[in-house]
PDB file of N, CA and C in Angstrom:
ATOM      1  N   UNK A   1     105.669  74.661 101.122  1.00  0.00           N
ATOM      2  CA  UNK A   1     104.629  75.658 100.899  1.00  0.00           C
ATOM      3  C   UNK A   1     103.923  75.308  99.592  1.00  0.00           C
ATOM      4  N   UNK A   2     102.607  75.399  99.592  1.00  0.00           N
ATOM      5  CA  UNK A   2     101.830  75.091  98.409  1.00  0.00           C
ATOM      6  C   UNK A   2     102.067  76.134  97.327  1.00  0.00           C
ATOM      7  N   UNK A   3     101.877  75.710  96.077  1.00  0.00           N
ATOM      8  CA  UNK A   3     102.099  76.601  94.948  1.00  0.00           C
ATOM      9  C   UNK A   3     101.201  77.833  95.007  1.00  0.00           C
ATOM     10  N   UNK A   4      99.908  77.666  95.340  1.00  0.00           N
ATOM     11  CA  UNK A   4      98.981  78.799  95.409  1.00  0.00           C
ATOM     12  C   UNK A   4      99.438  79.839  96.419  1.00  0.00           C
ATOM     13  N   UNK A   5      99.914  79.384  97.580  1.00  0.00           N
ATOM     14  CA  UNK A   5     100.370  80.314  98.600  1.00  0.00           C
ATOM     15  C   UNK A   5     101.590  81.088  98.116  1.00  0.00           C
ATOM     16  N   UNK A   6     102.508  80.391  97.419  1.00  0.00           N
ATOM     17  CA  UNK A   6     103.685  81.081  96.885  1.00  0.00           C
ATOM     18  C   UNK A   6     103.283  82.118  95.855  1.00  0.00           C
ATOM     19  N   UNK A   7     102.316  81.777  95.012  1.00  0.00           N
ATOM     20  CA  UNK A   7     101.859  82.733  94.001  1.00  0.00           C
ATOM     21  C   UNK A   7     101.217  83.950  94.657  1.00  0.00           C
ATOM     22  N   UNK A   8     100.425  83.726  95.712  1.00  0.00           N
ATOM     23  CA  UNK A   8      99.800  84.839  96.425  1.00  0.00           C
ATOM     24  C   UNK A   8     100.845  85.740  97.067  1.00  0.00           C
ATOM     25  N   UNK A   9     101.863  85.136  97.654  1.00  0.00           N
ATOM     26  CA  UNK A   9     102.937  85.917  98.268  1.00  0.00           C
ATOM     27  C   UNK A   9     103.645  86.748  97.207  1.00  0.00           C
ATOM     28  N   UNK A  10     103.891  86.158  96.041  1.00  0.00           N
ATOM     29  CA  UNK A  10     104.547  86.887  94.966  1.00  0.00           C
ATOM     30  C   UNK A  10     103.687  88.068  94.514  1.00  0.00           C
ATOM     31  N   UNK A  11     102.371  87.835  94.377  1.00  0.00           N
ATOM     32  CA  UNK A  11     101.469  88.908  93.954  1.00  0.00           C
ATOM     33  C   UNK A  11     101.491  90.034  94.975  1.00  0.00           C
ATOM     34  N   UNK A  12     101.420  89.707  96.262  1.00  0.00           N
ATOM     35  CA  UNK A  12     101.482  90.731  97.305  1.00  0.00           C
ATOM     36  C   UNK A  12     102.820  91.473  97.250  1.00  0.00           C
ATOM     37  N   UNK A  13     103.903  90.726  97.073  1.00  0.00           N
ATOM     38  CA  UNK A  13     105.224  91.343  96.973  1.00  0.00           C
ATOM     39  C   UNK A  13     105.260  92.300  95.785  1.00  0.00           C
ATOM     40  N   UNK A  14     104.758  91.835  94.659  1.00  0.00           N
ATOM     41  CA  UNK A  14     104.778  92.647  93.450  1.00  0.00           C
ATOM     42  C   UNK A  14     103.958  93.926  93.648  1.00  0.00           C
ATOM     43  N   UNK A  15     102.793  93.819  94.282  1.00  0.00           N
ATOM     44  CA  UNK A  15     101.970  94.998  94.533  1.00  0.00           C
ATOM     45  C   UNK A  15     102.712  95.987  95.433  1.00  0.00           C
ATOM     46  N   UNK A  16     103.390  95.478  96.453  1.00  0.00           N
ATOM     47  CA  UNK A  16     104.157  96.359  97.335  1.00  0.00           C
ATOM     48  C   UNK A  16     105.290  97.038  96.586  1.00  0.00           C
ATOM     49  N   UNK A  17     105.937  96.326  95.685  1.00  0.00           N
ATOM     50  CA  UNK A  17     107.001  96.922  94.877  1.00  0.00           C
ATOM     51  C   UNK A  17     106.419  98.017  93.993  1.00  0.00           C
ATOM     52  N   UNK A  18     105.247  97.737  93.386  1.00  0.00           N
ATOM     53  CA  UNK A  18     104.615  98.740  92.535  1.00  0.00           C
ATOM     54  C   UNK A  18     104.256  99.979  93.341  1.00  0.00           C
ATOM     55  N   UNK A  19     103.730  99.787  94.537  1.00  0.00           N
ATOM     56  CA  UNK A  19     103.396 100.925  95.390  1.00  0.00           C
ATOM     57  C   UNK A  19     104.656 101.708  95.727  1.00  0.00           C
ATOM     58  N   UNK A  20     105.726 101.012  96.060  1.00  0.00           N
ATOM     59  CA  UNK A  20     106.989 101.679  96.378  1.00  0.00           C
ATOM     60  C   UNK A  20     107.502 102.457  95.167  1.00  0.00           C
ATOM     61  N   UNK A  21     107.343 101.897  93.971  1.00  0.00           N
ATOM     62  CA  UNK A  21     107.783 102.603  92.771  1.00  0.00           C
ATOM     63  C   UNK A  21     106.963 103.864  92.555  1.00  0.00           C
ATOM     64  N   UNK A  22     105.663 103.787  92.802  1.00  0.00           N
ATOM     65  CA  UNK A  22     104.802 104.953  92.642  1.00  0.00           C
ATOM     66  C   UNK A  22     105.207 106.021  93.643  1.00  0.00           C
ATOM     67  N   UNK A  23     105.406 105.615  94.883  1.00  0.00           N
ATOM     68  CA  UNK A  23     105.812 106.559  95.917  1.00  0.00           C
ATOM     69  C   UNK A  23     107.176 107.145  95.565  1.00  0.00           C
ATOM     70  N   UNK A  24     108.009 106.362  94.890  1.00  0.00           N
ATOM     71  CA  UNK A  24     109.332 106.813  94.506  1.00  0.00           C
ATOM     72  C   UNK A  24     109.321 107.858  93.412  1.00  0.00           C
ATOM     73  N   UNK A  25     108.170 108.285  92.953  1.00  0.00           N
ATOM     74  CA  UNK A  25     108.133 109.384  91.997  1.00  0.00           C
ATOM     75  C   UNK A  25     107.383 109.099  90.713  1.00  0.00           C
ATOM     76  N   UNK A  26     106.990 107.875  90.493  1.00  0.00           N
ATOM     77  CA  UNK A  26     106.242 107.586  89.273  1.00  0.00           C
ATOM     78  C   UNK A  26     104.782 107.965  89.460  1.00  0.00           C
ATOM     79  N   UNK A  27     104.161 108.350  88.367  1.00  0.00           N
ATOM     80  CA  UNK A  27     102.758 108.744  88.435  1.00  0.00           C
ATOM     81  C   UNK A  27     101.860 107.516  88.360  1.00  0.00           C
ATOM     82  N   UNK A  28     100.689 107.679  88.937  1.00  0.00           N
ATOM     83  CA  UNK A  28      99.707 106.612  88.939  1.00  0.00           C
ATOM     84  C   UNK A  28      98.393 107.179  88.444  1.00  0.00           C
ATOM     85  N   UNK A  29      97.694 106.424  87.647  1.00  0.00           N
ATOM     86  CA  UNK A  29      96.386 106.849  87.179  1.00  0.00           C
ATOM     87  C   UNK A  29      95.305 106.088  87.921  1.00  0.00           C
ATOM     88  N   UNK A  30      94.154 106.693  88.003  1.00  0.00           N
ATOM     89  CA  UNK A  30      93.032 106.060  88.670  1.00  0.00           C
ATOM     90  C   UNK A  30      91.775 106.378  87.893  1.00  0.00           C
ATOM     91  N   UNK A  31      91.033 105.355  87.573  1.00  0.00           N
ATOM     92  CA  UNK A  31      89.750 105.563  86.916  1.00  0.00           C
ATOM     93  C   UNK A  31      88.659 105.308  87.928  1.00  0.00           C
ATOM     94  N   UNK A  32      87.643 106.139  87.886  1.00  0.00           N
ATOM     95  CA  UNK A  32      86.550 106.038  88.843  1.00  0.00           C
ATOM     96  C   UNK A  32      85.249 106.256  88.096  1.00  0.00           C
ATOM     97  N   UNK A  33      84.327 105.346  88.267  1.00  0.00           N
ATOM     98  CA  UNK A  33      83.022 105.486  87.631  1.00  0.00           C
ATOM     99  C   UNK A  33      82.062 106.077  88.644  1.00  0.00           C
ATOM    100  N   UNK A  34      81.473 107.210  88.286  1.00  0.00           N
ATOM    101  CA  UNK A  34      80.533 107.887  89.157  1.00  0.00           C
ATOM    102  C   UNK A  34      79.198 107.971  88.436  1.00  0.00           C
ATOM    103  N   UNK A  35      78.145 107.567  89.120  1.00  0.00           N
ATOM    104  CA  UNK A  35      76.804 107.569  88.537  1.00  0.00           C
ATOM    105  C   UNK A  35      76.269 108.995  88.421  1.00  0.00           C
ATOM    106  N   UNK A  36      75.274 109.165  87.575  1.00  0.00           N
ATOM    107  CA  UNK A  36      74.701 110.483  87.288  1.00  0.00           C
ATOM    108  C   UNK A  36      74.267 111.263  88.506  1.00  0.00           C
ATOM    109  N   UNK A  37      73.541 110.600  89.424  1.00  0.00           N
ATOM    110  CA  UNK A  37      73.042 111.332  90.599  1.00  0.00           C
ATOM    111  C   UNK A  37      74.193 111.789  91.495  1.00  0.00           C
ATOM    112  N   UNK A  38      75.331 111.106  91.435  1.00  0.00           N
ATOM    113  CA  UNK A  38      76.483 111.485  92.244  1.00  0.00           C
ATOM    114  C   UNK A  38      77.319 112.568  91.565  1.00  0.00           C
ATOM    115  N   UNK A  39      77.346 112.547  90.250  1.00  0.00           N
ATOM    116  CA  UNK A  39      78.203 113.503  89.548  1.00  0.00           C
ATOM    117  C   UNK A  39      77.506 114.832  89.286  1.00  0.00           C
ATOM    118  N   UNK A  40      76.196 114.837  89.216  1.00  0.00           N
ATOM    119  CA  UNK A  40      75.467 116.071  88.925  1.00  0.00           C
ATOM    120  C   UNK A  40      75.860 117.228  89.839  1.00  0.00           C
ATOM    121  N   UNK A  41      75.861 117.035  91.170  1.00  0.00           N
ATOM    122  CA  UNK A  41      76.248 118.162  92.034  1.00  0.00           C
ATOM    123  C   UNK A  41      77.671 118.654  91.762  1.00  0.00           C
ATOM    124  N   UNK A  42      78.570 117.713  91.445  1.00  0.00           N
ATOM    125  CA  UNK A  42      79.959 118.098  91.167  1.00  0.00           C
ATOM    126  C   UNK A  42      80.058 118.938  89.899  1.00  0.00           C
ATOM    127  N   UNK A  43      79.322 118.542  88.886  1.00  0.00           N
ATOM    128  CA  UNK A  43      79.321 119.292  87.628  1.00  0.00           C
ATOM    129  C   UNK A  43      78.752 120.684  87.857  1.00  0.00           C
ATOM    130  N   UNK A  44      77.679 120.771  88.605  1.00  0.00           N
ATOM    131  CA  UNK A  44      77.058 122.070  88.873  1.00  0.00           C
ATOM    132  C   UNK A  44      77.985 122.982  89.679  1.00  0.00           C
ATOM    133  N   UNK A  45      78.620 122.430  90.694  1.00  0.00           N
ATOM    134  CA  UNK A  45      79.555 123.227  91.496  1.00  0.00           C
ATOM    135  C   UNK A  45      80.714 123.710  90.631  1.00  0.00           C
ATOM    136  N   UNK A  46      81.237 122.817  89.792  1.00  0.00           N
ATOM    137  CA  UNK A  46      82.341 123.193  88.901  1.00  0.00           C
ATOM    138  C   UNK A  46      81.926 124.322  87.967  1.00  0.00           C
ATOM    139  N   UNK A  47      80.700 124.255  87.437  1.00  0.00           N
ATOM    140  CA  UNK A  47      80.202 125.324  86.563  1.00  0.00           C
ATOM    141  C   UNK A  47      80.151 126.648  87.319  1.00  0.00           C
ATOM    142  N   UNK A  48      79.598 126.616  88.528  1.00  0.00           N
ATOM    143  CA  UNK A  48      79.483 127.835  89.336  1.00  0.00           C
ATOM    144  C   UNK A  48      80.861 128.417  89.639  1.00  0.00           C
ATOM    145  N   UNK A  49      81.810 127.535  89.968  1.00  0.00           N
ATOM    146  CA  UNK A  49      83.170 127.966  90.284  1.00  0.00           C
ATOM    147  C   UNK A  49      83.963 128.344  89.037  1.00  0.00           C
ATOM    148  N   UNK A  50      83.473 127.945  87.869  1.00  0.00           N
ATOM    149  CA  UNK A  50      84.159 128.250  86.617  1.00  0.00           C
ATOM    150  C   UNK A  50      85.408 127.404  86.394  1.00  0.00           C
ATOM    151  N   UNK A  51      85.370 126.158  86.879  1.00  0.00           N
ATOM    152  CA  UNK A  51      86.506 125.255  86.699  1.00  0.00           C
ATOM    153  C   UNK A  51      86.031 123.942  86.072  1.00  0.00           C
ATOM    154  N   UNK A  52      86.983 123.157  85.602  1.00  0.00           N
ATOM    155  CA  UNK A  52      86.667 121.854  85.030  1.00  0.00           C
ATOM    156  C   UNK A  52      86.209 120.896  86.125  1.00  0.00           C
ATOM    157  N   UNK A  53      85.365 119.959  85.770  1.00  0.00           N
ATOM    158  CA  UNK A  53      84.869 118.969  86.727  1.00  0.00           C
ATOM    159  C   UNK A  53      86.016 118.151  87.309  1.00  0.00           C
ATOM    160  N   UNK A  54      87.003 117.790  86.489  1.00  0.00           N
ATOM    161  CA  UNK A  54      88.136 117.005  86.997  1.00  0.00           C
ATOM    162  C   UNK A  54      88.931 117.796  88.029  1.00  0.00           C
ATOM    163  N   UNK A  55      89.055 119.101  87.816  1.00  0.00           N
ATOM    164  CA  UNK A  55      89.742 119.948  88.786  1.00  0.00           C
ATOM    165  C   UNK A  55      88.967 119.982  90.107  1.00  0.00           C
ATOM    166  N   UNK A  56      87.639 120.043  89.999  1.00  0.00           N
ATOM    167  CA  UNK A  56      86.786 120.019  91.185  1.00  0.00           C
ATOM    168  C   UNK A  56      86.959 118.699  91.927  1.00  0.00           C
ATOM    169  N   UNK A  57      86.999 117.596  91.203  1.00  0.00           N
ATOM    170  CA  UNK A  57      87.167 116.284  91.825  1.00  0.00           C
ATOM    171  C   UNK A  57      88.507 116.190  92.546  1.00  0.00           C
ATOM    172  N   UNK A  58      89.565 116.686  91.928  1.00  0.00           N
ATOM    173  CA  UNK A  58      90.883 116.666  92.575  1.00  0.00           C
ATOM    174  C   UNK A  58      90.857 117.464  93.874  1.00  0.00           C
ATOM    175  N   UNK A  59      90.215 118.615  93.841  1.00  0.00           N
ATOM    176  CA  UNK A  59      90.134 119.453  95.042  1.00  0.00           C
ATOM    177  C   UNK A  59      89.376 118.728  96.154  1.00  0.00           C
ATOM    178  N   UNK A  60      88.281 118.084  95.806  1.00  0.00           N
ATOM    179  CA  UNK A  60      87.488 117.350  96.795  1.00  0.00           C
ATOM    180  C   UNK A  60      88.278 116.170  97.348  1.00  0.00           C
ATOM    181  N   UNK A  61      88.963 115.442  96.482  1.00  0.00           N
ATOM    182  CA  UNK A  61      89.786 114.315  96.946  1.00  0.00           C
ATOM    183  C   UNK A  61      90.906 114.787  97.866  1.00  0.00           C
ATOM    184  N   UNK A  62      91.567 115.867  97.486  1.00  0.00           N
ATOM    185  CA  UNK A  62      92.649 116.399  98.318  1.00  0.00           C
ATOM    186  C   UNK A  62      92.135 116.845  99.683  1.00  0.00           C
ATOM    187  N   UNK A  63      91.009 117.535  99.685  1.00  0.00           N
ATOM    188  CA  UNK A  63      90.424 117.999 100.946  1.00  0.00           C
ATOM    189  C   UNK A  63      90.013 116.819 101.828  1.00  0.00           C
ATOM    190  N   UNK A  64      89.386 115.818 101.209  1.00  0.00           N
ATOM    191  CA  UNK A  64      88.970 114.638 101.965  1.00  0.00           C
ATOM    192  C   UNK A  64      90.147 113.841 102.494  1.00  0.00           C
ATOM    193  N   UNK A  65      91.188 113.736 101.689  1.00  0.00           N
ATOM    194  CA  UNK A  65      92.389 113.018 102.113  1.00  0.00           C
ATOM    195  C   UNK A  65      93.026 113.725 103.305  1.00  0.00           C
ATOM    196  N   UNK A  66      93.169 115.036 103.206  1.00  0.00           N
ATOM    197  CA  UNK A  66      93.766 115.785 104.318  1.00  0.00           C
ATOM    198  C   UNK A  66      92.920 115.636 105.582  1.00  0.00           C
ATOM    199  N   UNK A  67      91.620 115.716 105.437  1.00  0.00           N
ATOM    200  CA  UNK A  67      90.724 115.574 106.591  1.00  0.00           C
ATOM    201  C   UNK A  67      90.893 114.207 107.250  1.00  0.00           C
ATOM    202  N   UNK A  68      90.979 113.157 106.446  1.00  0.00           N
ATOM    203  CA  UNK A  68      91.133 111.806 106.986  1.00  0.00           C
ATOM    204  C   UNK A  68      92.495 111.620 107.644  1.00  0.00           C
ATOM    205  N   UNK A  69      93.545 112.144 107.034  1.00  0.00           N
ATOM    206  CA  UNK A  69      94.890 112.044 107.608  1.00  0.00           C
ATOM    207  C   UNK A  69      94.939 112.773 108.951  1.00  0.00           C
ATOM    208  N   UNK A  70      94.345 113.947 109.015  1.00  0.00           N
ATOM    209  CA  UNK A  70      94.328 114.695 110.276  1.00  0.00           C
ATOM    210  C   UNK A  70      93.522 113.951 111.322  1.00  0.00           C
ATOM    211  N   UNK A  71      92.422 113.339 110.926  1.00  0.00           N
ATOM    212  CA  UNK A  71      91.632 112.542 111.871  1.00  0.00           C
ATOM    213  C   UNK A  71      92.458 111.384 112.411  1.00  0.00           C
ATOM    214  N   UNK A  72      93.148 110.679 111.521  1.00  0.00           N
ATOM    215  CA  UNK A  72      93.971 109.544 111.934  1.00  0.00           C
ATOM    216  C   UNK A  72      95.085 109.993 112.876  1.00  0.00           C
ATOM    217  N   UNK A  73      95.689 111.133 112.566  1.00  0.00           N
ATOM    218  CA  UNK A  73      96.741 111.665 113.431  1.00  0.00           C
ATOM    219  C   UNK A  73      96.176 112.043 114.802  1.00  0.00           C
ATOM    220  N   UNK A  74      95.028 112.707 114.801  1.00  0.00           N
ATOM    221  CA  UNK A  74      94.478 113.223 116.053  1.00  0.00           C
ATOM    222  C   UNK A  74      94.057 112.120 117.018  1.00  0.00           C
ATOM    223  N   UNK A  75      93.754 110.922 116.501  1.00  0.00           N
ATOM    224  CA  UNK A  75      93.401 109.815 117.399  1.00  0.00           C
ATOM    225  C   UNK A  75      94.579 108.871 117.628  1.00  0.00           C
ATOM    226  N   UNK A  76      95.736 109.241 117.089  1.00  0.00           N
ATOM    227  CA  UNK A  76      96.948 108.487 117.361  1.00  0.00           C
ATOM    228  C   UNK A  76      97.184 107.278 116.478  1.00  0.00           C
ATOM    229  N   UNK A  77      96.481 107.172 115.363  1.00  0.00           N
ATOM    230  CA  UNK A  77      96.691 106.036 114.465  1.00  0.00           C
ATOM    231  C   UNK A  77      97.967 106.169 113.651  1.00  0.00           C
ATOM    232  N   UNK A  78      98.362 107.401 113.372  1.00  0.00           N
ATOM    233  CA  UNK A  78      99.585 107.636 112.605  1.00  0.00           C
ATOM    234  C   UNK A  78     100.384 108.754 113.276  1.00  0.00           C
ATOM    235  N   UNK A  79     101.672 108.753 112.998  1.00  0.00           N
ATOM    236  CA  UNK A  79     102.556 109.773 113.566  1.00  0.00           C
ATOM    237  C   UNK A  79     102.488 111.059 112.748  1.00  0.00           C
ATOM    238  N   UNK A  80     103.027 112.108 113.302  1.00  0.00           N
ATOM    239  CA  UNK A  80     103.134 113.382 112.596  1.00  0.00           C
ATOM    240  C   UNK A  80     103.931 113.191 111.305  1.00  0.00           C
ATOM    241  N   UNK A  81     105.041 112.472 111.411  1.00  0.00           N
ATOM    242  CA  UNK A  81     105.897 112.220 110.251  1.00  0.00           C
ATOM    243  C   UNK A  81     105.129 111.470 109.168  1.00  0.00           C
ATOM    244  N   UNK A  82     104.373 110.451 109.562  1.00  0.00           N
ATOM    245  CA  UNK A  82     103.591 109.656 108.608  1.00  0.00           C
ATOM    246  C   UNK A  82     102.507 110.514 107.973  1.00  0.00           C
ATOM    247  N   UNK A  83     101.815 111.322 108.774  1.00  0.00           N
ATOM    248  CA  UNK A  83     100.763 112.199 108.250  1.00  0.00           C
ATOM    249  C   UNK A  83     101.339 113.157 107.212  1.00  0.00           C
ATOM    250  N   UNK A  84     102.473 113.760 107.544  1.00  0.00           N
ATOM    251  CA  UNK A  84     103.122 114.679 106.601  1.00  0.00           C
ATOM    252  C   UNK A  84     103.523 113.944 105.327  1.00  0.00           C
ATOM    253  N   UNK A  85     104.053 112.735 105.481  1.00  0.00           N
ATOM    254  CA  UNK A  85     104.467 111.944 104.318  1.00  0.00           C
ATOM    255  C   UNK A  85     103.309 111.600 103.407  1.00  0.00           C
ATOM    256  N   UNK A  86     102.187 111.222 103.986  1.00  0.00           N
ATOM    257  CA  UNK A  86     101.012 110.889 103.179  1.00  0.00           C
ATOM    258  C   UNK A  86     100.566 112.097 102.363  1.00  0.00           C
ATOM    259  N   UNK A  87     100.598 113.265 102.987  1.00  0.00           N
ATOM    260  CA  UNK A  87     100.160 114.479 102.300  1.00  0.00           C
ATOM    261  C   UNK A  87     101.238 115.093 101.419  1.00  0.00           C
ATOM    262  N   UNK A  88     102.459 114.570 101.514  1.00  0.00           N
ATOM    263  CA  UNK A  88     103.544 115.075 100.678  1.00  0.00           C
ATOM    264  C   UNK A  88     104.029 116.456 101.100  1.00  0.00           C
ATOM    265  N   UNK A  89     104.010 116.701 102.407  1.00  0.00           N
ATOM    266  CA  UNK A  89     104.451 117.989 102.928  1.00  0.00           C
ATOM    267  C   UNK A  89     105.493 117.749 104.022  1.00  0.00           C
ATOM    268  N   UNK A  90     106.158 118.814 104.447  1.00  0.00           N
ATOM    269  CA  UNK A  90     107.147 118.692 105.518  1.00  0.00           C
ATOM    270  C   UNK A  90     106.437 118.553 106.865  1.00  0.00           C
ATOM    271  N   UNK A  91     107.164 118.078 107.856  1.00  0.00           N
ATOM    272  CA  UNK A  91     106.607 117.983 109.206  1.00  0.00           C
ATOM    273  C   UNK A  91     106.224 119.357 109.730  1.00  0.00           C
ATOM    274  N   UNK A  92     107.005 120.363 109.408  1.00  0.00           N
ATOM    275  CA  UNK A  92     106.701 121.724 109.863  1.00  0.00           C
ATOM    276  C   UNK A  92     105.408 122.229 109.234  1.00  0.00           C
ATOM    277  N   UNK A  93     105.217 121.942 107.959  1.00  0.00           N
ATOM    278  CA  UNK A  93     103.973 122.342 107.302  1.00  0.00           C
ATOM    279  C   UNK A  93     102.788 121.588 107.895  1.00  0.00           C
ATOM    280  N   UNK A  94     103.004 120.326 108.264  1.00  0.00           N
ATOM    281  CA  UNK A  94     101.948 119.546 108.904  1.00  0.00           C
ATOM    282  C   UNK A  94     101.580 120.167 110.243  1.00  0.00           C
ATOM    283  N   UNK A  95     102.584 120.588 111.004  1.00  0.00           N
ATOM    284  CA  UNK A  95     102.328 121.245 112.287  1.00  0.00           C
ATOM    285  C   UNK A  95     101.504 122.513 112.080  1.00  0.00           C
ATOM    286  N   UNK A  96     101.845 123.283 111.050  1.00  0.00           N
ATOM    287  CA  UNK A  96     101.088 124.503 110.750  1.00  0.00           C
ATOM    288  C   UNK A  96      99.631 124.186 110.426  1.00  0.00           C
ATOM    289  N   UNK A  97      99.410 123.133 109.635  1.00  0.00           N
ATOM    290  CA  UNK A  97      98.031 122.760 109.288  1.00  0.00           C
ATOM    291  C   UNK A  97      97.253 122.312 110.517  1.00  0.00           C
ATOM    292  N   UNK A  98      97.917 121.594 111.409  1.00  0.00           N
ATOM    293  CA  UNK A  98      97.260 121.161 112.638  1.00  0.00           C
ATOM    294  C   UNK A  98      96.885 122.375 113.498  1.00  0.00           C
ATOM    295  N   UNK A  99      97.796 123.324 113.588  1.00  0.00           N
ATOM    296  CA  UNK A  99      97.527 124.537 114.366  1.00  0.00           C
ATOM    297  C   UNK A  99      96.349 125.311 113.786  1.00  0.00           C
ATOM    298  N   UNK A 100      96.280 125.393 112.445  1.00  0.00           N
ATOM    299  CA  UNK A 100      95.172 126.086 111.780  1.00  0.00           C
ATOM    300  C   UNK A 100      93.826 125.465 112.162  1.00  0.00           C
ATOM    301  N   UNK A 101      93.831 124.175 112.442  1.00  0.00           N
ATOM    302  CA  UNK A 101      92.604 123.458 112.778  1.00  0.00           C
ATOM    303  C   UNK A 101      92.449 123.251 114.286  1.00  0.00           C
ATOM    304  N   UNK A 102      93.281 123.942 115.050  1.00  0.00           N
ATOM    305  CA  UNK A 102      93.255 123.860 116.521  1.00  0.00           C
ATOM    306  C   UNK A 102      93.414 122.431 117.031  1.00  0.00           C
ATOM    307  N   UNK A 103      94.301 121.687 116.390  1.00  0.00           N
ATOM    308  CA  UNK A 103      94.606 120.325 116.828  1.00  0.00           C
ATOM    309  C   UNK A 103      95.999 120.352 117.443  1.00  0.00           C
ATOM    310  N   UNK A 104      96.100 119.840 118.662  1.00  0.00           N
ATOM    311  CA  UNK A 104      97.386 119.884 119.354  1.00  0.00           C
ATOM    312  C   UNK A 104      98.363 118.885 118.739  1.00  0.00           C
ATOM    313  N   UNK A 105      99.617 119.271 118.770  1.00  0.00           N
ATOM    314  CA  UNK A 105     100.682 118.403 118.282  1.00  0.00           C
ATOM    315  C   UNK A 105     100.984 117.393 119.375  1.00  0.00           C
ATOM    316  N   UNK A 106     100.936 116.123 119.020  1.00  0.00           N
ATOM    317  CA  UNK A 106     101.120 115.049 119.987  1.00  0.00           C
ATOM    318  C   UNK A 106     102.569 114.596 119.992  1.00  0.00           C
ATOM    319  N   UNK A 107     103.086 114.415 121.166  1.00  0.00           N
ATOM    320  CA  UNK A 107     104.447 113.923 121.323  1.00  0.00           C
ATOM    321  C   UNK A 107     104.361 112.604 122.069  1.00  0.00           C
ATOM    322  N   UNK A 108     105.114 111.619 121.633  1.00  0.00           N
ATOM    323  CA  UNK A 108     105.101 110.333 122.327  1.00  0.00           C
ATOM    324  C   UNK A 108     104.607 109.223 121.436  1.00  0.00           C
ATOM    325  N   UNK A 109     104.209 108.160 122.094  1.00  0.00           N
ATOM    326  CA  UNK A 109     103.780 106.980 121.363  1.00  0.00           C
ATOM    327  C   UNK A 109     102.442 107.161 120.680  1.00  0.00           C
ATOM    328  N   UNK A 110     102.295 106.428 119.578  1.00  0.00           N
ATOM    329  CA  UNK A 110     101.013 106.352 118.894  1.00  0.00           C
ATOM    330  C   UNK A 110     100.208 105.212 119.494  1.00  0.00           C
ATOM    331  N   UNK A 111      98.900 105.256 119.303  1.00  0.00           N
ATOM    332  CA  UNK A 111      98.029 104.188 119.751  1.00  0.00           C
ATOM    333  C   UNK A 111      98.488 102.879 119.126  1.00  0.00           C
ATOM    334  N   UNK A 112      98.567 101.841 119.908  1.00  0.00           N
ATOM    335  CA  UNK A 112      98.954 100.528 119.392  1.00  0.00           C
ATOM    336  C   UNK A 112     100.434 100.248 119.469  1.00  0.00           C
ATOM    337  N   UNK A 113     101.248 101.252 119.778  1.00  0.00           N
ATOM    338  CA  UNK A 113     102.679 100.992 119.921  1.00  0.00           C
ATOM    339  C   UNK A 113     102.941 100.365 121.276  1.00  0.00           C
ATOM    340  N   UNK A 114     103.756  99.379 121.285  1.00  0.00           N
ATOM    341  CA  UNK A 114     104.059  98.703 122.540  1.00  0.00           C
ATOM    342  C   UNK A 114     105.121  99.438 123.339  1.00  0.00           C
ATOM    343  N   UNK A 115     105.506  98.873 124.393  1.00  0.00           N
ATOM    344  CA  UNK A 115     106.539  99.476 125.225  1.00  0.00           C
ATOM    345  C   UNK A 115     106.308  99.101 126.675  1.00  0.00           C
ATOM    346  N   UNK A 116     107.390  99.015 127.424  1.00  0.00           N
ATOM    347  CA  UNK A 116     107.253  98.638 128.823  1.00  0.00           C
ATOM    348  C   UNK A 116     107.696  99.757 129.706  1.00  0.00           C
TER     349      UNK A 116
END
């Protein structure tokens, strides 16, 4: 195996270990640069709501993440267990959230799973 390929494999391995460590309970920071025209509405909404802009951003990210996870679950890309894990909630709480959104709980294989 060439040296470059080994180094790439090590980098990928290291990134996976870091992700596993973060999932294991360590905190992760994220910096995001948002341009003026994109941040203005967020600042205004935060002012109206009487909260900090960062709090508003967290709420929007959480809402968007949940929406995407539910979409992925509803089309069979991820399992109920995986969806709950991504959101950091129990499977029962995930079922409740699905019911609130009138999404049926799917039993069986996910899209892309093999089987004969």
